[in-house]
Amino acid sequence: MKSLQISLSGAIATVTLNRPEVRNAFNDEVILELTAAFTQLGQDPQVRAIVLAAEGPAFCAGADLNWMRRMADYTHAENLADAAQLAEMLRVIYTCPKPTVARIQGDVYAGGMGLVAACDMAVSVDTANYCLSEVKLGLYPATISPYVIRAMGARAAHRYFLTAERFDAVEALRLGFVHAVVAAEQLDDKLTEITQALVTASPNAVKECKALLHDVAGKDIDAGLIGRTVDGIASIRASAEGKEGVQAFLGKRKPSWLV
């Protein structure tokens, strides 16, 4: 892939945005590459977690300027097709069967906010700045909005979508948009702490738990939802890993996925 680097260390796959010369801004080519990478890694039985990282001083500055120049001449139909590819990339990352962690080493702007929000977790350096800058360009963050609003909450989104203010990593942490803020020299240690927690858990339980989160978040607690959760716990208790995990706990031994 031209715009990405993909590496595997043990059960951890890392997908690295590698366009530092344009602050890792994405275009249609990058979108297709990210979609393919997360699709393939999500189906790879050797992979237990995926880190989304970036090279250079910025994590992602949103849309590439040359791509934006091309889009300025697009018809409505061409814009629909283009936006659909971006939406599919975000959906693939968000619904990836493997847990995903954003490693944020620099600034995150516009569409880059969508990349972070589509990941399950995010760890940020304390020097990173964040911005939903679309309204300053006469646009709005439509395609990324389902993910960003879930990540930062509707009340915060009202402010930062409408004002396009820049905010720092401490504010991103306060909003819950990122899960940890550390100094640059501590970034990889914090990332390792999180990924090691992921790979020591039951692979099937992590996969099913991620699906559960998507099914339950924001839904009304009604008979249908309660019924799905009851069926879910009954099914996972009867699963091979569910039985093995409980038996290992009771027998004070490591479960099979750690042996």
Foldseek 3Di string as FASTA:
>chain_A
DVQWDWDDDFQEIEIEGEDQVQLSEDALVVLVVLLVVLVVSLPDPRHQEYEYAYDYAFGYAYHGPVRVVVVVPDDPVRVVVRLVSNLSSLVSLLLRLHAYEYQGREEAEACSLLVLLSHPAYEYEQAYKYWNQQVVVVGFNPSSVVRNCVQQPDVVCVVRRVPRDMDTPVVCCVSRNHPYYHHNVCRVVVVCVVVVVRQLDDSVCSSVVSVLCVVPPPDDPDPVNVVVVVVVVVVLCPDPQNVQVVVCVVVVHRGPSVD
